[in-house]
Amino acid sequence: MSDAKPDDWVSDRIALQDVMCRYAAAVDERDFDMYRACFADDAEIVGFTKETVHGGDAWLDFVKNALEGHDATQHMLGPQLATIDGDRAHARTDVQALHYLKDSPGSTLTLWATYETDLARIEGAWRITRHQLVPRGTRIDPPVPTRQSD
């Protein structure tokens, strides 16, 4: 914790949690303006793809494209652990995300993971500057049948 007054720390703590709640709600509601507002312009995104994604706009483009394969999603966040040091913070948030697969009606991809997220206060608002997905496991229910070749 920093030298901030207790009231400031509590306000910051709530604001950090709200960033992650807006992140989850925005992706599930496909509110791309709200989703993009969670990220700094120069955000770095790690672990969602083989390559690191650089920039909030590039990340938004990736997410929009990825969501085309899903009828719906639901991101459920666990309690957040956060450390705050002035205008910088780090949050660890567990997530269970359900992805309803468009190409396999009735099938759901479940992801268990942890978000390791660095944030900065930018122009008075907390924004994600680095966001890393640490996968814990995935499962598709019911399993998608594989096609047999002749």
C-alpha atoms as a PDB file:
ATOM      1  CA  MET A   1       0.000   0.000   0.000  1.00  0.00           C
ATOM      2  CA  SER A   2       1.208   3.540  -0.670  1.00  0.00           C
ATOM      3  CA  ASP A   3       1.196   6.649   1.513  1.00  0.00           C
ATOM      4  CA  ALA A   4      -2.370   7.344   0.375  1.00  0.00           C
ATOM      5  CA  LYS A   5      -5.023   8.127   2.941  1.00  0.00           C
ATOM      6  CA  PRO A   6      -7.281   5.172   3.822  1.00  0.00           C
ATOM      7  CA  ASP A   7     -10.271   6.732   2.040  1.00  0.00           C
ATOM      8  CA  ASP A   8      -8.187   7.147  -1.137  1.00  0.00           C
ATOM      9  CA  TRP A   9      -7.013   3.539  -0.937  1.00  0.00           C
ATOM     10  CA  VAL A  10     -10.585   2.264  -0.562  1.00  0.00           C
ATOM     11  CA  SER A  11     -11.763   4.393  -3.498  1.00  0.00           C
ATOM     12  CA  ASP A  12      -8.888   3.134  -5.641  1.00  0.00           C
ATOM     13  CA  ARG A  13      -9.542  -0.459  -4.608  1.00  0.00           C
ATOM     14  CA  ILE A  14     -13.194  -0.184  -5.669  1.00  0.00           C
ATOM     15  CA  ALA A  15     -12.185   1.536  -8.909  1.00  0.00           C
ATOM     16  CA  LEU A  16      -9.754  -1.278  -9.768  1.00  0.00           C
ATOM     17  CA  GLN A  17     -12.439  -3.872  -9.195  1.00  0.00           C
ATOM     18  CA  ASP A  18     -14.845  -1.845 -11.325  1.00  0.00           C
ATOM     19  CA  VAL A  19     -12.396  -1.854 -14.256  1.00  0.00           C
ATOM     20  CA  MET A  20     -12.394  -5.646 -14.266  1.00  0.00           C
ATOM     21  CA  CYS A  21     -16.177  -5.820 -13.810  1.00  0.00           C
ATOM     22  CA  ARG A  22     -16.658  -3.441 -16.766  1.00  0.00           C
ATOM     23  CA  TYR A  23     -14.170  -5.551 -18.755  1.00  0.00           C
ATOM     24  CA  ALA A  24     -16.240  -8.704 -18.177  1.00  0.00           C
ATOM     25  CA  ALA A  25     -19.645  -7.063 -18.622  1.00  0.00           C
ATOM     26  CA  ALA A  26     -18.577  -5.222 -21.765  1.00  0.00           C
ATOM     27  CA  VAL A  27     -17.254  -8.312 -23.528  1.00  0.00           C
ATOM     28  CA  ASP A  28     -20.362 -10.315 -22.606  1.00  0.00           C
ATOM     29  CA  GLU A  29     -22.732  -7.521 -23.691  1.00  0.00           C
ATOM     30  CA  ARG A  30     -20.608  -6.744 -26.775  1.00  0.00           C
ATOM     31  CA  ASP A  31     -20.332  -3.135 -25.605  1.00  0.00           C
ATOM     32  CA  PHE A  32     -17.100  -2.427 -27.443  1.00  0.00           C
ATOM     33  CA  ASP A  33     -16.877   1.239 -26.437  1.00  0.00           C
ATOM     34  CA  MET A  34     -17.007   0.298 -22.755  1.00  0.00           C
ATOM     35  CA  TYR A  35     -14.567  -2.567 -23.340  1.00  0.00           C
ATOM     36  CA  ARG A  36     -12.043  -0.366 -25.157  1.00  0.00           C
ATOM     37  CA  ALA A  37     -12.263   2.265 -22.395  1.00  0.00           C
ATOM     38  CA  CYS A  38     -10.821  -0.296 -19.947  1.00  0.00           C
ATOM     39  CA  PHE A  39      -7.464  -0.231 -21.760  1.00  0.00           C
ATOM     40  CA  ALA A  40      -4.659   2.283 -22.133  1.00  0.00           C
ATOM     41  CA  ASP A  41      -3.798   3.151 -25.720  1.00  0.00           C
ATOM     42  CA  ASP A  42      -0.437   1.382 -25.387  1.00  0.00           C
ATOM     43  CA  ALA A  43      -1.720  -1.658 -23.484  1.00  0.00           C
ATOM     44  CA  GLU A  44       0.150  -4.941 -23.829  1.00  0.00           C
ATOM     45  CA  ILE A  45      -1.908  -8.150 -23.929  1.00  0.00           C
ATOM     46  CA  VAL A  46      -0.195 -11.481 -23.209  1.00  0.00           C
ATOM     47  CA  GLY A  47      -1.299 -15.105 -23.176  1.00  0.00           C
ATOM     48  CA  PHE A  48      -4.509 -14.907 -25.204  1.00  0.00           C
ATOM     49  CA  THR A  49      -2.666 -15.558 -28.475  1.00  0.00           C
ATOM     50  CA  LYS A  50       0.758 -16.918 -29.410  1.00  0.00           C
ATOM     51  CA  GLU A  51       1.958 -13.367 -29.981  1.00  0.00           C
ATOM     52  CA  THR A  52       1.727 -10.394 -27.631  1.00  0.00           C
ATOM     53  CA  VAL A  53      -0.870  -7.878 -28.772  1.00  0.00           C
ATOM     54  CA  HIS A  54       0.280  -4.256 -28.555  1.00  0.00           C
ATOM     55  CA  GLY A  55      -2.246  -1.429 -28.234  1.00  0.00           C
ATOM     56  CA  GLY A  56      -5.821  -1.089 -27.081  1.00  0.00           C
ATOM     57  CA  ASP A  57      -7.165  -0.720 -30.631  1.00  0.00           C
ATOM     58  CA  ALA A  58      -5.334  -3.825 -31.889  1.00  0.00           C
ATOM     59  CA  TRP A  59      -6.642  -5.784 -28.902  1.00  0.00           C
ATOM     60  CA  LEU A  60     -10.204  -4.618 -29.554  1.00  0.00           C
ATOM     61  CA  ASP A  61      -9.941  -5.768 -33.181  1.00  0.00           C
ATOM     62  CA  PHE A  62      -8.703  -9.180 -32.025  1.00  0.00           C
ATOM     63  CA  VAL A  63     -11.545  -9.542 -29.489  1.00  0.00           C
ATOM     64  CA  LYS A  64     -14.234  -8.543 -31.988  1.00  0.00           C
ATOM     65  CA  ASN A  65     -12.930 -11.157 -34.425  1.00  0.00           C
ATOM     66  CA  ALA A  66     -12.670 -13.857 -31.745  1.00  0.00           C
ATOM     67  CA  LEU A  67     -16.223 -13.237 -30.537  1.00  0.00           C
ATOM     68  CA  GLU A  68     -17.604 -13.987 -33.995  1.00  0.00           C
ATOM     69  CA  GLY A  69     -17.175 -17.691 -33.161  1.00  0.00           C
ATOM     70  CA  HIS A  70     -19.474 -17.473 -30.128  1.00  0.00           C
ATOM     71  CA  ASP A  71     -23.199 -17.003 -29.779  1.00  0.00           C
ATOM     72  CA  ALA A  72     -22.701 -15.680 -26.246  1.00  0.00           C
ATOM     73  CA  THR A  73     -20.144 -15.515 -23.457  1.00  0.00           C
ATOM     74  CA  GLN A  74     -20.287 -15.133 -19.704  1.00  0.00           C
ATOM     75  CA  HIS A  75     -17.219 -14.113 -17.702  1.00  0.00           C
ATOM     76  CA  MET A  76     -17.533 -14.717 -13.967  1.00  0.00           C
ATOM     77  CA  LEU A  77     -14.850 -13.076 -11.856  1.00  0.00           C
ATOM     78  CA  GLY A  78     -13.621 -14.260  -8.481  1.00  0.00           C
ATOM     79  CA  PRO A  79     -12.369 -12.056  -5.678  1.00  0.00           C
ATOM     80  CA  GLN A  80      -9.577  -9.720  -6.697  1.00  0.00           C
ATOM     81  CA  LEU A  81      -6.222  -9.324  -4.995  1.00  0.00           C
ATOM     82  CA  ALA A  82      -4.787  -5.883  -5.656  1.00  0.00           C
ATOM     83  CA  THR A  83      -1.764  -3.832  -4.715  1.00  0.00           C
ATOM     84  CA  ILE A  84      -1.689  -0.087  -5.233  1.00  0.00           C
ATOM     85  CA  ASP A  85       1.394   2.105  -5.435  1.00  0.00           C
ATOM     86  CA  GLY A  86       0.379   5.674  -6.197  1.00  0.00           C
ATOM     87  CA  ASP A  87      -0.884   5.794  -9.784  1.00  0.00           C
ATOM     88  CA  ARG A  88       0.096   2.191 -10.544  1.00  0.00           C
ATOM     89  CA  ALA A  89      -1.594  -1.011  -9.471  1.00  0.00           C
ATOM     90  CA  HIS A  90      -1.574  -4.757 -10.016  1.00  0.00           C
ATOM     91  CA  ALA A  91      -4.648  -6.982  -9.797  1.00  0.00           C
ATOM     92  CA  ARG A  92      -4.931 -10.762  -9.747  1.00  0.00           C
ATOM     93  CA  THR A  93      -8.424 -11.892 -10.708  1.00  0.00           C
ATOM     94  CA  ASP A  94      -9.637 -15.464 -11.169  1.00  0.00           C
ATOM     95  CA  VAL A  95     -12.087 -16.013 -14.019  1.00  0.00           C
ATOM     96  CA  GLN A  96     -14.390 -18.741 -15.234  1.00  0.00           C
ATOM     97  CA  ALA A  97     -15.596 -17.934 -18.726  1.00  0.00           C
ATOM     98  CA  LEU A  98     -18.312 -19.753 -20.625  1.00  0.00           C
ATOM     99  CA  HIS A  99     -18.227 -19.528 -24.423  1.00  0.00           C
ATOM    100  CA  TYR A 100     -21.263 -20.821 -26.331  1.00  0.00           C
ATOM    101  CA  LEU A 101     -19.850 -22.143 -29.605  1.00  0.00           C
ATOM    102  CA  LYS A 102     -21.586 -20.868 -32.736  1.00  0.00           C
ATOM    103  CA  ASP A 103     -20.331 -23.698 -34.976  1.00  0.00           C
ATOM    104  CA  SER A 104     -21.411 -26.399 -32.491  1.00  0.00           C
ATOM    105  CA  PRO A 105     -24.873 -25.480 -31.184  1.00  0.00           C
ATOM    106  CA  GLY A 106     -25.371 -26.798 -27.674  1.00  0.00           C
ATOM    107  CA  SER A 107     -21.635 -26.946 -26.952  1.00  0.00           C
ATOM    108  CA  THR A 108     -19.960 -24.772 -24.359  1.00  0.00           C
ATOM    109  CA  LEU A 109     -16.247 -24.076 -23.978  1.00  0.00           C
ATOM    110  CA  THR A 110     -15.413 -23.366 -20.336  1.00  0.00           C
ATOM    111  CA  LEU A 111     -12.156 -21.630 -19.485  1.00  0.00           C
ATOM    112  CA  TRP A 112     -10.663 -21.477 -15.988  1.00  0.00           C
ATOM    113  CA  ALA A 113      -7.912 -18.890 -15.709  1.00  0.00           C
ATOM    114  CA  THR A 114      -6.326 -16.049 -13.807  1.00  0.00           C
ATOM    115  CA  TYR A 115      -5.955 -12.507 -15.095  1.00  0.00           C
ATOM    116  CA  GLU A 116      -2.700 -10.827 -14.030  1.00  0.00           C
ATOM    117  CA  THR A 117      -3.392  -7.185 -14.771  1.00  0.00           C
ATOM    118  CA  ASP A 118      -1.303  -4.041 -14.411  1.00  0.00           C
ATOM    119  CA  LEU A 119      -3.195  -0.771 -14.331  1.00  0.00           C
ATOM    120  CA  ALA A 120      -2.309   2.919 -14.284  1.00  0.00           C
ATOM    121  CA  ARG A 121      -4.280   6.005 -13.396  1.00  0.00           C
ATOM    122  CA  ILE A 122      -4.487   7.891 -16.690  1.00  0.00           C
ATOM    123  CA  GLU A 123      -6.243  11.249 -16.799  1.00  0.00           C
ATOM    124  CA  GLY A 124      -7.953  10.421 -13.515  1.00  0.00           C
ATOM    125  CA  ALA A 125      -9.225   6.943 -14.462  1.00  0.00           C
ATOM    126  CA  TRP A 126      -7.701   3.498 -13.959  1.00  0.00           C
ATOM    127  CA  ARG A 127      -6.834   1.764 -17.250  1.00  0.00           C
ATOM    128  CA  ILE A 128      -5.290  -1.611 -18.051  1.00  0.00           C
ATOM    129  CA  THR A 129      -1.685  -1.250 -19.219  1.00  0.00           C
ATOM    130  CA  ARG A 130      -0.737  -4.940 -19.280  1.00  0.00           C
ATOM    131  CA  HIS A 131      -3.169  -7.841 -19.205  1.00  0.00           C
ATOM    132  CA  GLN A 132      -2.033 -11.453 -19.039  1.00  0.00           C
ATOM    133  CA  LEU A 133      -4.139 -14.590 -19.235  1.00  0.00           C
ATOM    134  CA  VAL A 134      -2.799 -17.478 -17.145  1.00  0.00           C
ATOM    135  CA  PRO A 135      -4.856 -20.501 -18.274  1.00  0.00           C
ATOM    136  CA  ARG A 136      -5.736 -23.144 -15.676  1.00  0.00           C
ATOM    137  CA  GLY A 137      -7.833 -25.443 -17.865  1.00  0.00           C
ATOM    138  CA  THR A 138     -10.503 -25.739 -20.539  1.00  0.00           C
ATOM    139  CA  ARG A 139     -13.312 -28.123 -21.302  1.00  0.00           C
ATOM    140  CA  ILE A 140     -15.919 -28.416 -24.056  1.00  0.00           C
ATOM    141  CA  ASP A 141     -19.309 -29.829 -23.051  1.00  0.00           C
ATOM    142  CA  PRO A 142     -20.647 -31.855 -24.662  1.00  0.00           C
ATOM    143  CA  PRO A 143     -17.492 -32.804 -26.503  1.00  0.00           C
ATOM    144  CA  VAL A 144     -17.563 -31.738 -30.144  1.00  0.00           C
ATOM    145  CA  PRO A 145     -17.582 -34.865 -32.303  1.00  0.00           C
ATOM    146  CA  THR A 146     -14.712 -35.259 -34.706  1.00  0.00           C
ATOM    147  CA  ARG A 147     -15.455 -36.171 -38.306  1.00  0.00           C
ATOM    148  CA  GLN A 148     -14.302 -39.527 -39.550  1.00  0.00           C
ATOM    149  CA  SER A 149     -12.654 -39.494 -42.962  1.00  0.00           C
ATOM    150  CA  ASP A 150     -13.657 -42.085 -45.563  1.00  0.00           C
END
